[in-house]
Amino acid sequence: MLLMKDIVREGHPVLREVAKEVELPLSAEDLALGEEMMIFLKNSQDKEMAEKYELRGGVGLAAPQLAISKRIIALLVPSNNPEKPEPLLNTVMYNPKIVSHSVQSACLADGEGCLSVDREVPGYVVRHARVTVEYVDANGQKQKIRLKNYPAIVVQHEIDHLNGIMFYDHIASPNPFALAEDVLVLE
């Protein structure tokens, strides 16, 4: 079972590398890694498990955060709609690639955090409001998915990890809360 000690922190060189494509067909090792990553996310969102194992809550995890330079991400974005409790996004993506995106930009009102960053980094992280992602799923099937708003931001954050980019690289300096007029701020 993955724990916080398994997640590398900022400053680790693998977080700044471009991760390698996963070979197809998927190996048992890569499938097991994807499953372990998903279990970590589920445990981190389970109040009792998170407390017991001192896990920080996460909605996404990329293989480079485990010091593994492979293009694998796990995503578990919970719904905050009690009428539709199933997750907004619940998948492991192998070799994900953004193939198109909106002109509209968006950011989270509270900024972003990261399991590999043990400090608060204030500022808006401006990303695309909508993205289309192609990837291979755990069954080896090619998939194409359109995401918007929060799930789109989460997948962009994780794909950034595969490209050696940290979320705070997107924060404007010297004014981290500067925004263009047309940026959608998501609560």
N, C-alpha and C. Protein backbone atom coordinates (compact mmCIF):
# COMPACT_ATOMS: atom_id res chain seq x y z
N MET A 1 0.84 -1.19 0.00
CA MET A 1 0.00 0.00 0.00
C MET A 1 0.88 1.25 0.00
N LEU A 2 0.57 2.17 -0.90
CA LEU A 2 1.32 3.42 -0.98
C LEU A 2 0.98 4.33 0.21
N LEU A 3 2.01 4.97 0.74
CA LEU A 3 1.85 5.92 1.85
C LEU A 3 2.51 7.24 1.46
N MET A 4 2.33 8.25 2.30
CA MET A 4 2.92 9.56 2.01
C MET A 4 4.44 9.46 1.86
N LYS A 5 5.08 8.55 2.59
CA LYS A 5 6.54 8.41 2.50
C LYS A 5 6.99 7.94 1.11
N ASP A 6 6.06 7.36 0.33
CA ASP A 6 6.38 6.89 -1.01
C ASP A 6 6.35 8.01 -2.05
N ILE A 7 5.77 9.14 -1.68
CA ILE A 7 5.63 10.26 -2.61
C ILE A 7 6.84 11.18 -2.48
N VAL A 8 7.53 11.39 -3.61
CA VAL A 8 8.70 12.26 -3.57
C VAL A 8 8.25 13.72 -3.51
N ARG A 9 9.07 14.54 -2.89
CA ARG A 9 8.73 15.94 -2.69
C ARG A 9 9.50 16.84 -3.65
N GLU A 10 9.02 18.09 -3.75
CA GLU A 10 9.65 19.04 -4.66
C GLU A 10 11.15 19.09 -4.38
N GLY A 11 11.92 19.24 -5.44
CA GLY A 11 13.36 19.19 -5.33
C GLY A 11 13.90 17.86 -5.84
N HIS A 12 13.06 16.81 -5.82
CA HIS A 12 13.50 15.51 -6.35
C HIS A 12 13.61 15.64 -7.87
N PRO A 13 14.73 15.21 -8.46
CA PRO A 13 14.95 15.43 -9.89
C PRO A 13 13.90 14.81 -10.82
N VAL A 14 13.30 13.68 -10.44
CA VAL A 14 12.33 13.03 -11.34
C VAL A 14 11.12 13.94 -11.59
N LEU A 15 10.82 14.84 -10.65
CA LEU A 15 9.67 15.74 -10.83
C LEU A 15 9.90 16.78 -11.92
N ARG A 16 11.14 16.92 -12.36
CA ARG A 16 11.44 17.89 -13.42
C ARG A 16 11.80 17.20 -14.74
N GLU A 17 11.66 15.89 -14.79
CA GLU A 17 11.95 15.14 -16.02
C GLU A 17 10.68 14.96 -16.84
N VAL A 18 10.87 14.77 -18.14
CA VAL A 18 9.76 14.36 -19.00
C VAL A 18 9.70 12.84 -18.90
N ALA A 19 8.56 12.34 -18.43
CA ALA A 19 8.39 10.89 -18.21
C ALA A 19 8.36 10.14 -19.53
N LYS A 20 8.75 8.88 -19.47
CA LYS A 20 8.80 8.03 -20.66
C LYS A 20 7.43 7.42 -20.95
N GLU A 21 7.12 7.25 -22.24
CA GLU A 21 5.88 6.58 -22.66
C GLU A 21 5.87 5.16 -22.10
N VAL A 22 4.68 4.69 -21.78
CA VAL A 22 4.50 3.32 -21.33
C VAL A 22 4.40 2.43 -22.57
N GLU A 23 5.11 1.32 -22.56
CA GLU A 23 5.06 0.39 -23.70
C GLU A 23 3.72 -0.34 -23.73
N LEU A 24 3.24 -0.54 -24.94
CA LEU A 24 2.00 -1.28 -25.14
C LEU A 24 2.32 -2.60 -25.82
N PRO A 25 1.62 -3.70 -25.55
CA PRO A 25 0.55 -3.78 -24.56
C PRO A 25 1.09 -3.53 -23.14
N LEU A 26 0.18 -3.11 -22.26
CA LEU A 26 0.57 -2.77 -20.89
C LEU A 26 1.12 -3.99 -20.17
N SER A 27 2.19 -3.79 -19.44
CA SER A 27 2.79 -4.88 -18.66
C SER A 27 2.01 -5.05 -17.35
N ALA A 28 2.16 -6.22 -16.75
CA ALA A 28 1.52 -6.50 -15.45
C ALA A 28 2.03 -5.49 -14.42
N GLU A 29 3.30 -5.12 -14.53
CA GLU A 29 3.91 -4.16 -13.60
C GLU A 29 3.24 -2.78 -13.73
N ASP A 30 3.01 -2.32 -14.96
CA ASP A 30 2.39 -1.01 -15.15
C ASP A 30 0.92 -1.02 -14.72
N LEU A 31 0.23 -2.13 -14.97
CA LEU A 31 -1.16 -2.25 -14.52
C LEU A 31 -1.24 -2.23 -12.99
N ALA A 32 -0.32 -2.95 -12.34
CA ALA A 32 -0.30 -2.99 -10.88
C ALA A 32 0.00 -1.62 -10.30
N LEU A 33 0.92 -0.90 -10.94
CA LEU A 33 1.25 0.46 -10.49
C LEU A 33 0.01 1.36 -10.57
N GLY A 34 -0.69 1.31 -11.68
CA GLY A 34 -1.91 2.12 -11.84
C GLY A 34 -2.93 1.80 -10.76
N GLU A 35 -3.09 0.51 -10.47
CA GLU A 35 -4.03 0.08 -9.43
C GLU A 35 -3.61 0.59 -8.05
N GLU A 36 -2.31 0.48 -7.75
CA GLU A 36 -1.79 0.98 -6.47
C GLU A 36 -2.03 2.49 -6.32
N MET A 37 -1.83 3.22 -7.41
CA MET A 37 -2.04 4.67 -7.39
C MET A 37 -3.52 4.98 -7.11
N MET A 38 -4.43 4.24 -7.73
CA MET A 38 -5.86 4.45 -7.52
C MET A 38 -6.24 4.11 -6.08
N ILE A 39 -5.69 3.03 -5.54
CA ILE A 39 -5.98 2.66 -4.15
C ILE A 39 -5.51 3.76 -3.21
N PHE A 40 -4.35 4.35 -3.49
CA PHE A 40 -3.87 5.46 -2.65
C PHE A 40 -4.91 6.59 -2.66
N LEU A 41 -5.41 6.96 -3.85
CA LEU A 41 -6.38 8.06 -3.92
C LEU A 41 -7.66 7.72 -3.15
N LYS A 42 -8.14 6.49 -3.32
CA LYS A 42 -9.35 6.08 -2.58
C LYS A 42 -9.11 6.16 -1.08
N ASN A 43 -7.97 5.64 -0.62
CA ASN A 43 -7.65 5.68 0.81
C ASN A 43 -7.50 7.11 1.31
N SER A 44 -6.90 7.97 0.49
CA SER A 44 -6.67 9.36 0.91
C SER A 44 -7.98 10.12 1.05
N GLN A 45 -9.02 9.66 0.36
CA GLN A 45 -10.32 10.32 0.43
C GLN A 45 -11.25 9.67 1.44
N ASP A 46 -10.82 8.55 2.01
CA ASP A 46 -11.59 7.85 3.04
C ASP A 46 -11.12 8.38 4.40
N LYS A 47 -12.03 9.02 5.13
CA LYS A 47 -11.65 9.71 6.36
C LYS A 47 -10.90 8.80 7.33
N GLU A 48 -11.42 7.60 7.55
CA GLU A 48 -10.78 6.69 8.51
C GLU A 48 -9.42 6.22 8.05
N MET A 49 -9.33 5.83 6.77
CA MET A 49 -8.04 5.36 6.23
C MET A 49 -7.02 6.49 6.22
N ALA A 50 -7.45 7.67 5.81
CA ALA A 50 -6.55 8.82 5.74
C ALA A 50 -5.98 9.14 7.12
N GLU A 51 -6.85 9.08 8.13
CA GLU A 51 -6.40 9.37 9.49
C GLU A 51 -5.45 8.28 9.99
N LYS A 52 -5.85 7.03 9.78
CA LYS A 52 -5.06 5.89 10.26
C LYS A 52 -3.65 5.89 9.67
N TYR A 53 -3.54 6.17 8.38
CA TYR A 53 -2.24 6.10 7.70
C TYR A 53 -1.62 7.48 7.43
N GLU A 54 -2.22 8.53 8.00
CA GLU A 54 -1.71 9.91 7.86
C GLU A 54 -1.52 10.29 6.39
N LEU A 55 -2.60 10.10 5.62
CA LEU A 55 -2.57 10.42 4.19
C LEU A 55 -3.17 11.78 3.95
N ARG A 56 -2.55 12.57 3.11
CA ARG A 56 -3.16 13.83 2.66
C ARG A 56 -4.13 13.49 1.54
N GLY A 57 -5.28 14.15 1.54
CA GLY A 57 -6.28 13.89 0.51
C GLY A 57 -5.77 14.26 -0.87
N GLY A 58 -6.01 13.39 -1.83
CA GLY A 58 -5.59 13.66 -3.20
C GLY A 58 -6.68 13.29 -4.19
N VAL A 59 -6.70 13.98 -5.32
CA VAL A 59 -7.65 13.67 -6.40
C VAL A 59 -6.92 13.17 -7.64
N GLY A 60 -5.60 13.27 -7.62
CA GLY A 60 -4.79 12.81 -8.75
C GLY A 60 -3.40 12.44 -8.27
N LEU A 61 -2.78 11.52 -8.99
CA LEU A 61 -1.42 11.10 -8.67
C LEU A 61 -0.75 10.68 -9.97
N ALA A 62 0.48 11.12 -10.15
CA ALA A 62 1.26 10.79 -11.35
C ALA A 62 2.45 9.91 -10.95
N ALA A 63 2.80 8.96 -11.81
CA ALA A 63 3.92 8.04 -11.52
C ALA A 63 5.21 8.78 -11.13
N PRO A 64 5.55 9.92 -11.77
CA PRO A 64 6.77 10.61 -11.34
C PRO A 64 6.77 11.02 -9.86
N GLN A 65 5.58 11.19 -9.28
CA GLN A 65 5.50 11.52 -7.86
C GLN A 65 5.93 10.34 -6.98
N LEU A 66 6.04 9.16 -7.60
CA LEU A 66 6.53 7.98 -6.89
C LEU A 66 7.96 7.66 -7.34
N ALA A 67 8.61 8.64 -7.96
CA ALA A 67 9.98 8.50 -8.49
C ALA A 67 10.04 7.47 -9.62
N ILE A 68 8.93 7.33 -10.35
CA ILE A 68 8.86 6.41 -11.50
C ILE A 68 8.59 7.25 -12.74
N SER A 69 9.56 7.30 -13.63
CA SER A 69 9.46 8.16 -14.81
C SER A 69 8.66 7.47 -15.92
N LYS A 70 7.35 7.33 -15.69
CA LYS A 70 6.45 6.73 -16.68
C LYS A 70 5.21 7.59 -16.81
N ARG A 71 4.62 7.58 -18.01
CA ARG A 71 3.45 8.41 -18.30
C ARG A 71 2.17 7.69 -17.84
N ILE A 72 1.99 7.66 -16.53
CA ILE A 72 0.81 7.03 -15.91
C ILE A 72 0.25 8.01 -14.88
N ILE A 73 -1.06 8.25 -14.96
CA ILE A 73 -1.72 9.07 -13.94
C ILE A 73 -2.99 8.36 -13.47
N ALA A 74 -3.30 8.56 -12.20
CA ALA A 74 -4.55 8.06 -11.63
C ALA A 74 -5.36 9.28 -11.21
N LEU A 75 -6.68 9.22 -11.48
CA LEU A 75 -7.57 10.35 -11.19
C LEU A 75 -8.82 9.86 -10.48
N LEU A 76 -9.13 10.48 -9.35
CA LEU A 76 -10.34 10.17 -8.62
C LEU A 76 -10.91 11.48 -8.09
N VAL A 77 -11.77 12.08 -8.92
CA VAL A 77 -12.35 13.39 -8.60
C VAL A 77 -13.76 13.16 -8.06
N PRO A 78 -13.95 13.41 -6.75
CA PRO A 78 -15.27 13.15 -6.16
C PRO A 78 -16.31 14.18 -6.61
N SER A 79 -17.55 13.75 -6.57
CA SER A 79 -18.67 14.64 -6.87
C SER A 79 -19.07 15.35 -5.58
N ASN A 80 -19.47 16.61 -5.70
CA ASN A 80 -20.01 17.26 -4.51
C ASN A 80 -21.53 17.42 -4.64
N ASN A 81 -22.11 16.63 -5.55
CA ASN A 81 -23.55 16.64 -5.77
C ASN A 81 -24.15 15.38 -5.12
N PRO A 82 -24.91 15.55 -4.00
CA PRO A 82 -25.46 14.38 -3.31
C PRO A 82 -26.42 13.55 -4.17
N GLU A 83 -27.02 14.17 -5.20
CA GLU A 83 -27.93 13.43 -6.09
C GLU A 83 -27.17 12.58 -7.10
N LYS A 84 -25.90 12.93 -7.35
CA LYS A 84 -25.04 12.15 -8.25
C LYS A 84 -23.72 11.88 -7.54
N PRO A 85 -23.72 10.91 -6.60
CA PRO A 85 -22.52 10.71 -5.77
C PRO A 85 -21.34 10.06 -6.49
N GLU A 86 -21.55 9.46 -7.67
CA GLU A 86 -20.41 8.81 -8.34
C GLU A 86 -19.36 9.86 -8.72
N PRO A 87 -18.09 9.44 -8.69
CA PRO A 87 -17.01 10.40 -8.98
C PRO A 87 -17.16 11.04 -10.36
N LEU A 88 -16.70 12.28 -10.48
CA LEU A 88 -16.71 12.99 -11.76
C LEU A 88 -15.67 12.38 -12.70
N LEU A 89 -14.62 11.82 -12.12
CA LEU A 89 -13.54 11.22 -12.90
C LEU A 89 -12.94 10.12 -12.05
N ASN A 90 -12.84 8.91 -12.60
CA ASN A 90 -12.35 7.76 -11.85
C ASN A 90 -11.66 6.83 -12.83
N THR A 91 -10.38 7.07 -13.08
CA THR A 91 -9.69 6.26 -14.08
C THR A 91 -8.18 6.34 -13.91
N VAL A 92 -7.51 5.35 -14.47
CA VAL A 92 -6.05 5.39 -14.62
C VAL A 92 -5.79 5.60 -16.10
N MET A 93 -4.95 6.58 -16.41
CA MET A 93 -4.62 6.89 -17.81
C MET A 93 -3.16 6.55 -18.08
N TYR A 94 -2.95 5.78 -19.13
CA TYR A 94 -1.60 5.45 -19.60
C TYR A 94 -1.34 6.29 -20.85
N ASN A 95 -0.18 6.93 -20.90
CA ASN A 95 0.21 7.79 -22.03
C ASN A 95 -0.86 8.85 -22.38
N PRO A 96 -1.38 9.57 -21.36
CA PRO A 96 -2.40 10.57 -21.66
C PRO A 96 -1.80 11.75 -22.43
N LYS A 97 -2.62 12.30 -23.33
CA LYS A 97 -2.18 13.45 -24.12
C LYS A 97 -3.37 14.37 -24.35
N ILE A 98 -3.17 15.66 -24.10
CA ILE A 98 -4.22 16.64 -24.40
C ILE A 98 -4.17 16.89 -25.90
N VAL A 99 -5.29 16.59 -26.59
CA VAL A 99 -5.32 16.72 -28.05
C VAL A 99 -6.04 17.99 -28.49
N SER A 100 -6.85 18.57 -27.61
CA SER A 100 -7.45 19.87 -27.91
C SER A 100 -7.87 20.52 -26.60
N HIS A 101 -8.04 21.84 -26.66
CA HIS A 101 -8.44 22.57 -25.45
C HIS A 101 -9.19 23.83 -25.84
N SER A 102 -9.90 24.35 -24.86
CA SER A 102 -10.69 25.57 -25.08
C SER A 102 -9.78 26.79 -25.10
N VAL A 103 -10.29 27.85 -25.69
CA VAL A 103 -9.62 29.15 -25.62
C VAL A 103 -9.84 29.72 -24.22
N GLN A 104 -11.03 29.44 -23.66
CA GLN A 104 -11.39 29.90 -22.32
C GLN A 104 -10.41 29.34 -21.29
N SER A 105 -9.93 30.21 -20.41
CA SER A 105 -9.06 29.78 -19.32
C SER A 105 -9.85 29.74 -18.02
N ALA A 106 -9.33 28.96 -17.07
CA ALA A 106 -9.98 28.84 -15.77
C ALA A 106 -8.92 28.60 -14.70
N CYS A 107 -9.30 28.88 -13.46
CA CYS A 107 -8.44 28.57 -12.33
C CYS A 107 -9.31 28.30 -11.11
N LEU A 108 -8.72 27.70 -10.11
CA LEU A 108 -9.45 27.44 -8.87
C LEU A 108 -9.31 28.65 -7.95
N ALA A 109 -10.42 29.06 -7.35
CA ALA A 109 -10.41 30.23 -6.47
C ALA A 109 -9.41 30.08 -5.33
N ASP A 110 -9.27 28.85 -4.83
CA ASP A 110 -8.37 28.60 -3.70
C ASP A 110 -6.96 28.19 -4.12
N GLY A 111 -6.66 28.27 -5.41
CA GLY A 111 -5.35 27.84 -5.89
C GLY A 111 -5.28 26.32 -5.94
N GLU A 112 -4.08 25.80 -6.17
CA GLU A 112 -3.89 24.36 -6.25
C GLU A 112 -2.90 23.91 -5.19
N GLY A 113 -3.00 22.64 -4.86
CA GLY A 113 -2.04 22.01 -3.97
C GLY A 113 -1.50 20.78 -4.66
N CYS A 114 -0.56 20.12 -4.00
CA CYS A 114 0.08 18.97 -4.62
C CYS A 114 0.64 18.07 -3.52
N LEU A 115 0.47 16.76 -3.68
CA LEU A 115 0.99 15.82 -2.70
C LEU A 115 2.52 15.87 -2.61
N SER A 116 3.17 16.39 -3.65
CA SER A 116 4.63 16.50 -3.64
C SER A 116 5.12 17.85 -3.11
N VAL A 117 4.19 18.71 -2.72
CA VAL A 117 4.57 20.05 -2.22
C VAL A 117 4.02 20.20 -0.81
N ASP A 118 4.92 20.31 0.16
CA ASP A 118 4.52 20.36 1.57
C ASP A 118 4.34 21.78 2.09
N ARG A 119 4.07 22.70 1.19
CA ARG A 119 3.89 24.09 1.62
C ARG A 119 2.75 24.69 0.82
N GLU A 120 2.17 25.75 1.35
CA GLU A 120 1.14 26.45 0.58
C GLU A 120 1.83 27.37 -0.40
N VAL A 121 1.34 27.37 -1.63
CA VAL A 121 1.86 28.28 -2.64
C VAL A 121 0.68 29.12 -3.11
N PRO A 122 0.56 30.36 -2.60
CA PRO A 122 -0.59 31.18 -2.97
C PRO A 122 -0.50 31.66 -4.41
N GLY A 123 -1.68 31.77 -5.03
CA GLY A 123 -1.74 32.31 -6.39
C GLY A 123 -2.66 31.50 -7.27
N TYR A 124 -3.09 32.15 -8.35
CA TYR A 124 -3.96 31.49 -9.32
C TYR A 124 -3.14 30.69 -10.31
N VAL A 125 -3.56 29.45 -10.55
CA VAL A 125 -2.93 28.58 -11.53
C VAL A 125 -3.88 28.53 -12.73
N VAL A 126 -3.55 29.32 -13.75
CA VAL A 126 -4.46 29.46 -14.90
C VAL A 126 -4.22 28.31 -15.88
N ARG A 127 -5.33 27.62 -16.21
CA ARG A 127 -5.28 26.47 -17.11
C ARG A 127 -6.43 26.58 -18.11
N HIS A 128 -6.55 25.61 -19.01
CA HIS A 128 -7.67 25.58 -19.95
C HIS A 128 -8.94 25.15 -19.22
N ALA A 129 -10.07 25.78 -19.53
CA ALA A 129 -11.34 25.43 -18.89
C ALA A 129 -11.85 24.07 -19.37
N ARG A 130 -11.53 23.71 -20.62
CA ARG A 130 -11.97 22.44 -21.18
C ARG A 130 -10.81 21.81 -21.95
N VAL A 131 -10.70 20.48 -21.82
CA VAL A 131 -9.67 19.75 -22.55
C VAL A 131 -10.24 18.44 -23.08
N THR A 132 -9.67 17.98 -24.17
CA THR A 132 -9.95 16.64 -24.68
C THR A 132 -8.65 15.85 -24.54
N VAL A 133 -8.76 14.69 -23.88
CA VAL A 133 -7.58 13.87 -23.58
C VAL A 133 -7.74 12.50 -24.24
N GLU A 134 -6.67 12.07 -24.90
CA GLU A 134 -6.60 10.70 -25.41
C GLU A 134 -5.64 9.93 -24.53
N TYR A 135 -5.99 8.67 -24.24
CA TYR A 135 -5.15 7.84 -23.39
C TYR A 135 -5.49 6.37 -23.62
N VAL A 136 -4.69 5.51 -23.02
CA VAL A 136 -4.96 4.07 -23.04
C VAL A 136 -5.44 3.70 -21.64
N ASP A 137 -6.54 2.94 -21.56
CA ASP A 137 -7.07 2.55 -20.26
C ASP A 137 -6.43 1.23 -19.80
N ALA A 138 -6.82 0.76 -18.62
CA ALA A 138 -6.23 -0.45 -18.04
C ALA A 138 -6.52 -1.70 -18.87
N ASN A 139 -7.52 -1.64 -19.73
CA ASN A 139 -7.82 -2.78 -20.61
C ASN A 139 -7.05 -2.70 -21.93
N GLY A 140 -6.17 -1.70 -22.05
CA GLY A 140 -5.39 -1.55 -23.26
C GLY A 140 -6.15 -0.88 -24.39
N GLN A 141 -7.34 -0.33 -24.09
CA GLN A 141 -8.17 0.31 -25.10
C GLN A 141 -7.86 1.80 -25.19
N LYS A 142 -7.83 2.32 -26.42
CA LYS A 142 -7.66 3.77 -26.59
C LYS A 142 -8.97 4.46 -26.20
N GLN A 143 -8.83 5.55 -25.45
CA GLN A 143 -10.00 6.31 -25.00
C GLN A 143 -9.81 7.78 -25.35
N LYS A 144 -10.93 8.47 -25.48
CA LYS A 144 -10.91 9.92 -25.71
C LYS A 144 -12.00 10.49 -24.80
N ILE A 145 -11.64 11.46 -24.00
CA ILE A 145 -12.58 12.00 -23.02
C ILE A 145 -12.52 13.52 -23.04
N ARG A 146 -13.69 14.14 -22.93
CA ARG A 146 -13.76 15.60 -22.83
C ARG A 146 -14.06 15.96 -21.38
N LEU A 147 -13.28 16.87 -20.86
CA LEU A 147 -13.44 17.29 -19.46
C LEU A 147 -13.56 18.80 -19.40
N LYS A 148 -14.30 19.28 -18.38
CA LYS A 148 -14.39 20.72 -18.20
C LYS A 148 -14.32 21.07 -16.73
N ASN A 149 -13.94 22.31 -16.48
CA ASN A 149 -13.86 22.87 -15.13
C ASN A 149 -12.93 22.06 -14.23
N TYR A 150 -13.39 21.68 -13.02
CA TYR A 150 -12.50 21.06 -12.05
C TYR A 150 -11.82 19.78 -12.58
N PRO A 151 -12.56 18.80 -13.15
CA PRO A 151 -11.87 17.62 -13.68
C PRO A 151 -10.82 17.97 -14.75
N ALA A 152 -11.09 18.99 -15.57
CA ALA A 152 -10.12 19.41 -16.59
C ALA A 152 -8.86 19.97 -15.93
N ILE A 153 -9.04 20.71 -14.86
CA ILE A 153 -7.88 21.28 -14.15
C ILE A 153 -7.05 20.16 -13.51
N VAL A 154 -7.73 19.18 -12.90
CA VAL A 154 -7.03 18.06 -12.27
C VAL A 154 -6.19 17.29 -13.29
N VAL A 155 -6.77 16.96 -14.44
CA VAL A 155 -6.03 16.18 -15.44
C VAL A 155 -4.85 16.99 -15.99
N GLN A 156 -5.01 18.30 -16.14
CA GLN A 156 -3.88 19.12 -16.61
C GLN A 156 -2.76 19.15 -15.57
N HIS A 157 -3.12 19.23 -14.29
CA HIS A 157 -2.12 19.21 -13.21
C HIS A 157 -1.31 17.91 -13.28
N GLU A 158 -2.00 16.79 -13.45
CA GLU A 158 -1.31 15.49 -13.47
C GLU A 158 -0.48 15.30 -14.74
N ILE A 159 -1.00 15.72 -15.88
CA ILE A 159 -0.23 15.62 -17.13
C ILE A 159 1.01 16.52 -17.05
N ASP A 160 0.89 17.67 -16.38
CA ASP A 160 2.07 18.52 -16.16
C ASP A 160 3.18 17.72 -15.46
N HIS A 161 2.80 16.90 -14.46
CA HIS A 161 3.81 16.09 -13.76
C HIS A 161 4.56 15.20 -14.73
N LEU A 162 3.89 14.72 -15.77
CA LEU A 162 4.54 13.85 -16.76
C LEU A 162 5.52 14.62 -17.63
N ASN A 163 5.38 15.94 -17.62
CA ASN A 163 6.23 16.81 -18.44
C ASN A 163 7.23 17.62 -17.62
N GLY A 164 7.37 17.27 -16.35
CA GLY A 164 8.34 17.94 -15.49
C GLY A 164 7.91 19.34 -15.06
N ILE A 165 6.61 19.59 -15.07
CA ILE A 165 6.09 20.92 -14.72
C ILE A 165 5.36 20.84 -13.39
N MET A 166 5.66 21.77 -12.50
CA MET A 166 4.96 21.85 -11.21
C MET A 166 3.87 22.92 -11.32
N PHE A 167 2.81 22.78 -10.53
CA PHE A 167 1.68 23.71 -10.64
C PHE A 167 2.10 25.16 -10.45
N TYR A 168 3.07 25.40 -9.56
CA TYR A 168 3.45 26.78 -9.27
C TYR A 168 4.24 27.42 -10.42
N ASP A 169 4.65 26.63 -11.39
CA ASP A 169 5.30 27.20 -12.58
C ASP A 169 4.31 28.06 -13.37
N HIS A 170 3.02 27.84 -13.17
CA HIS A 170 1.97 28.59 -13.88
C HIS A 170 1.55 29.88 -13.15
N ILE A 171 2.03 30.08 -11.93
CA ILE A 171 1.61 31.26 -11.15
C ILE A 171 2.39 32.47 -11.61
N ALA A 172 1.65 33.54 -11.87
CA ALA A 172 2.27 34.77 -12.37
C ALA A 172 3.14 35.41 -11.28
N SER A 173 4.24 35.97 -11.71
CA SER A 173 5.02 36.77 -10.77
C SER A 173 5.26 38.12 -11.43
N PRO A 174 5.30 39.19 -10.75
CA PRO A 174 5.38 39.30 -9.29
C PRO A 174 4.01 39.26 -8.59
N ASN A 175 2.90 39.30 -9.36
CA ASN A 175 1.57 39.31 -8.73
C ASN A 175 0.87 37.98 -8.94
N PRO A 176 0.93 37.08 -7.93
CA PRO A 176 0.36 35.74 -8.09
C PRO A 176 -1.17 35.72 -8.22
N PHE A 177 -1.82 36.85 -7.92
CA PHE A 177 -3.28 36.88 -8.04
C PHE A 177 -3.74 37.75 -9.21
N ALA A 178 -2.82 38.01 -10.15
CA ALA A 178 -3.20 38.75 -11.35
C ALA A 178 -3.94 37.81 -12.29
N LEU A 179 -5.05 38.30 -12.86
CA LEU A 179 -5.83 37.49 -13.79
C LEU A 179 -6.28 38.33 -14.96
N ALA A 180 -6.30 37.73 -16.14
CA ALA A 180 -6.91 38.39 -17.29
C ALA A 180 -8.42 38.44 -17.04
N GLU A 181 -9.11 39.37 -17.69
CA GLU A 181 -10.54 39.57 -17.47
C GLU A 181 -11.39 38.34 -17.75
N ASP A 182 -11.02 37.58 -18.78
CA ASP A 182 -11.90 36.49 -19.23
C ASP A 182 -11.63 35.14 -18.55
N VAL A 183 -10.80 35.10 -17.49
CA VAL A 183 -10.51 33.84 -16.82
C VAL A 183 -11.65 33.47 -15.89
N LEU A 184 -12.11 32.26 -16.04
CA LEU A 184 -13.20 31.72 -15.21
C LEU A 184 -12.60 31.28 -13.88
N VAL A 185 -13.10 31.83 -12.77
CA VAL A 185 -12.60 31.43 -11.43
C VAL A 185 -13.60 30.44 -10.83
N LEU A 186 -13.15 29.22 -10.62
CA LEU A 186 -14.01 28.14 -10.12
C LEU A 186 -13.95 28.07 -8.60
N GLU A 187 -15.12 28.08 -7.99
CA GLU A 187 -15.19 28.00 -6.51
C GLU A 187 -14.98 26.58 -6.04
